[in-house]
Amino acid sequence: MDNQIDSNKTYLSVAQVAGHLNVSKMTIYRLVHTGKLPAVRIGQSYRVSEDAVAKYLEGGTVRAT
């Protein structure tokens, strides 16, 4: 988890990321806690940058042949 917030980025809540990826919030929390999806903690909640979500998806993309 990163502790720096870049004011030029858009940050999403865990629920928003889960909705965009069509997975549960628990799945996103697991990705955050294992370090596979970088996030910042604000109070007791986490925020994930749109850039981090895009990078995560690019890393998991498989090209069908």
N, C-alpha and C. Protein backbone atom coordinates (compact mmCIF):
# COMPACT_ATOMS: atom_id res chain seq x y z
N MET A 1 0.83 -1.18 0.00
CA MET A 1 0.00 0.00 0.00
C MET A 1 0.88 1.24 0.00
N ASP A 2 0.54 2.13 -0.84
CA ASP A 2 1.26 3.39 -0.97
C ASP A 2 0.62 4.41 -0.03
N ASN A 3 1.41 5.29 0.53
CA ASN A 3 0.85 6.31 1.42
C ASN A 3 0.85 7.69 0.79
N GLN A 4 1.18 7.79 -0.48
CA GLN A 4 1.22 9.07 -1.16
C GLN A 4 0.01 9.24 -2.06
N ILE A 5 -0.63 10.39 -1.94
CA ILE A 5 -1.77 10.69 -2.80
C ILE A 5 -1.34 11.71 -3.84
N ASP A 6 -1.57 11.38 -5.09
CA ASP A 6 -1.26 12.28 -6.20
C ASP A 6 -2.56 13.00 -6.55
N SER A 7 -2.58 14.30 -6.37
CA SER A 7 -3.80 15.06 -6.61
C SER A 7 -4.19 15.12 -8.09
N ASN A 8 -3.31 14.66 -8.96
CA ASN A 8 -3.61 14.66 -10.39
C ASN A 8 -4.31 13.37 -10.84
N LYS A 9 -4.42 12.40 -9.94
CA LYS A 9 -5.04 11.12 -10.28
C LYS A 9 -6.46 11.04 -9.73
N THR A 10 -7.24 10.19 -10.34
CA THR A 10 -8.59 9.92 -9.86
C THR A 10 -8.54 8.64 -9.05
N TYR A 11 -9.11 8.69 -7.86
CA TYR A 11 -9.11 7.53 -6.97
C TYR A 11 -10.52 6.98 -6.84
N LEU A 12 -10.60 5.65 -6.76
CA LEU A 12 -11.88 4.95 -6.65
C LEU A 12 -11.94 4.22 -5.31
N SER A 13 -13.15 4.08 -4.80
CA SER A 13 -13.33 3.28 -3.59
C SER A 13 -13.23 1.80 -3.94
N VAL A 14 -13.10 0.98 -2.93
CA VAL A 14 -13.05 -0.46 -3.15
C VAL A 14 -14.34 -0.93 -3.82
N ALA A 15 -15.47 -0.39 -3.39
CA ALA A 15 -16.76 -0.77 -3.99
C ALA A 15 -16.82 -0.39 -5.46
N GLN A 16 -16.30 0.78 -5.81
CA GLN A 16 -16.30 1.21 -7.21
C GLN A 16 -15.42 0.30 -8.06
N VAL A 17 -14.23 -0.04 -7.56
CA VAL A 17 -13.33 -0.93 -8.31
C VAL A 17 -13.99 -2.29 -8.49
N ALA A 18 -14.59 -2.80 -7.42
CA ALA A 18 -15.26 -4.11 -7.49
C ALA A 18 -16.38 -4.07 -8.52
N GLY A 19 -17.14 -2.99 -8.56
CA GLY A 19 -18.21 -2.86 -9.54
C GLY A 19 -17.71 -2.81 -10.96
N HIS A 20 -16.63 -2.06 -11.18
CA HIS A 20 -16.05 -1.97 -12.53
C HIS A 20 -15.52 -3.31 -13.01
N LEU A 21 -14.94 -4.09 -12.10
CA LEU A 21 -14.34 -5.37 -12.47
C LEU A 21 -15.30 -6.54 -12.33
N ASN A 22 -16.50 -6.25 -11.81
CA ASN A 22 -17.52 -7.28 -11.62
C ASN A 22 -17.03 -8.41 -10.71
N VAL A 23 -16.40 -8.02 -9.61
CA VAL A 23 -15.95 -8.96 -8.58
C VAL A 23 -16.43 -8.45 -7.23
N SER A 24 -16.23 -9.22 -6.19
CA SER A 24 -16.66 -8.80 -4.86
C SER A 24 -15.67 -7.81 -4.26
N LYS A 25 -16.14 -7.05 -3.27
CA LYS A 25 -15.26 -6.13 -2.56
C LYS A 25 -14.16 -6.91 -1.85
N MET A 26 -14.46 -8.10 -1.36
CA MET A 26 -13.45 -8.91 -0.67
C MET A 26 -12.30 -9.24 -1.61
N THR A 27 -12.60 -9.49 -2.88
CA THR A 27 -11.54 -9.77 -3.86
C THR A 27 -10.61 -8.57 -3.98
N ILE A 28 -11.17 -7.38 -4.02
CA ILE A 28 -10.34 -6.17 -4.12
C ILE A 28 -9.52 -5.99 -2.85
N TYR A 29 -10.14 -6.21 -1.69
CA TYR A 29 -9.38 -6.11 -0.43
C TYR A 29 -8.22 -7.10 -0.42
N ARG A 30 -8.43 -8.31 -0.90
CA ARG A 30 -7.34 -9.30 -0.96
C ARG A 30 -6.21 -8.81 -1.86
N LEU A 31 -6.56 -8.25 -3.02
CA LEU A 31 -5.54 -7.74 -3.93
C LEU A 31 -4.76 -6.59 -3.30
N VAL A 32 -5.45 -5.74 -2.57
CA VAL A 32 -4.79 -4.62 -1.89
C VAL A 32 -3.86 -5.14 -0.80
N HIS A 33 -4.36 -6.05 0.03
CA HIS A 33 -3.56 -6.54 1.16
C HIS A 33 -2.37 -7.38 0.72
N THR A 34 -2.46 -8.03 -0.42
CA THR A 34 -1.32 -8.81 -0.91
C THR A 34 -0.34 -7.96 -1.72
N GLY A 35 -0.70 -6.70 -1.99
CA GLY A 35 0.18 -5.81 -2.72
C GLY A 35 0.05 -5.91 -4.23
N LYS A 36 -0.89 -6.71 -4.71
CA LYS A 36 -1.07 -6.86 -6.16
C LYS A 36 -1.79 -5.66 -6.76
N LEU A 37 -2.52 -4.92 -5.94
CA LEU A 37 -3.23 -3.73 -6.39
C LEU A 37 -2.88 -2.60 -5.43
N PRO A 38 -2.03 -1.66 -5.85
CA PRO A 38 -1.63 -0.57 -4.96
C PRO A 38 -2.82 0.30 -4.57
N ALA A 39 -2.81 0.72 -3.30
CA ALA A 39 -3.90 1.56 -2.80
C ALA A 39 -3.34 2.50 -1.74
N VAL A 40 -4.09 3.53 -1.44
CA VAL A 40 -3.76 4.43 -0.34
C VAL A 40 -4.86 4.28 0.71
N ARG A 41 -4.46 4.39 1.94
CA ARG A 41 -5.43 4.28 3.02
C ARG A 41 -5.78 5.68 3.49
N ILE A 42 -7.06 5.94 3.54
CA ILE A 42 -7.55 7.24 4.03
C ILE A 42 -8.49 6.92 5.18
N GLY A 43 -8.05 7.21 6.38
CA GLY A 43 -8.83 6.82 7.55
C GLY A 43 -8.89 5.31 7.63
N GLN A 44 -10.10 4.76 7.60
CA GLN A 44 -10.24 3.31 7.65
C GLN A 44 -10.60 2.72 6.29
N SER A 45 -10.58 3.53 5.26
CA SER A 45 -10.94 3.01 3.93
C SER A 45 -9.75 3.10 2.99
N TYR A 46 -9.84 2.36 1.91
CA TYR A 46 -8.80 2.34 0.89
C TYR A 46 -9.31 3.00 -0.38
N ARG A 47 -8.39 3.63 -1.10
CA ARG A 47 -8.70 4.20 -2.41
C ARG A 47 -7.65 3.69 -3.39
N VAL A 48 -8.12 3.35 -4.57
CA VAL A 48 -7.26 2.80 -5.61
C VAL A 48 -7.30 3.74 -6.80
N SER A 49 -6.14 4.10 -7.32
CA SER A 49 -6.12 5.01 -8.47
C SER A 49 -6.58 4.27 -9.73
N GLU A 50 -7.19 5.02 -10.63
CA GLU A 50 -7.61 4.44 -11.91
C GLU A 50 -6.40 3.88 -12.65
N ASP A 51 -5.25 4.55 -12.52
CA ASP A 51 -4.03 4.08 -13.17
C ASP A 51 -3.62 2.71 -12.63
N ALA A 52 -3.74 2.52 -11.32
CA ALA A 52 -3.37 1.23 -10.72
C ALA A 52 -4.29 0.12 -11.21
N VAL A 53 -5.57 0.42 -11.37
CA VAL A 53 -6.51 -0.57 -11.88
C VAL A 53 -6.14 -0.94 -13.32
N ALA A 54 -5.84 0.08 -14.13
CA ALA A 54 -5.48 -0.18 -15.53
C ALA A 54 -4.20 -1.02 -15.62
N LYS A 55 -3.20 -0.71 -14.80
CA LYS A 55 -1.95 -1.48 -14.81
C LYS A 55 -2.19 -2.91 -14.36
N TYR A 56 -3.04 -3.08 -13.35
CA TYR A 56 -3.35 -4.43 -12.89
C TYR A 56 -4.01 -5.24 -14.00
N LEU A 57 -4.94 -4.63 -14.70
CA LEU A 57 -5.63 -5.32 -15.79
C LEU A 57 -4.68 -5.64 -16.94
N GLU A 58 -3.77 -4.73 -17.25
CA GLU A 58 -2.80 -4.98 -18.32
C GLU A 58 -1.91 -6.16 -17.98
N GLY A 59 -1.55 -6.29 -16.72
CA GLY A 59 -0.69 -7.38 -16.27
C GLY A 59 -1.38 -8.73 -16.32
N GLY A 60 -2.69 -8.74 -16.27
CA GLY A 60 -3.42 -9.99 -16.27
C GLY A 60 -4.05 -10.33 -17.60
N THR A 61 -3.75 -9.54 -18.61
CA THR A 61 -4.35 -9.75 -19.91
C THR A 61 -3.67 -10.92 -20.62
N VAL A 62 -4.48 -11.80 -21.15
CA VAL A 62 -3.97 -12.94 -21.91
C VAL A 62 -4.49 -12.83 -23.32
N ARG A 63 -3.61 -12.97 -24.26
CA ARG A 63 -4.00 -12.88 -25.67
C ARG A 63 -4.45 -14.24 -26.18
N ALA A 64 -5.66 -14.30 -26.67
CA ALA A 64 -6.18 -15.56 -27.21
C ALA A 64 -5.58 -15.79 -28.59
N THR A 65 -5.24 -17.04 -28.86
CA THR A 65 -4.66 -17.34 -30.18
C THR A 65 -5.51 -18.33 -30.93
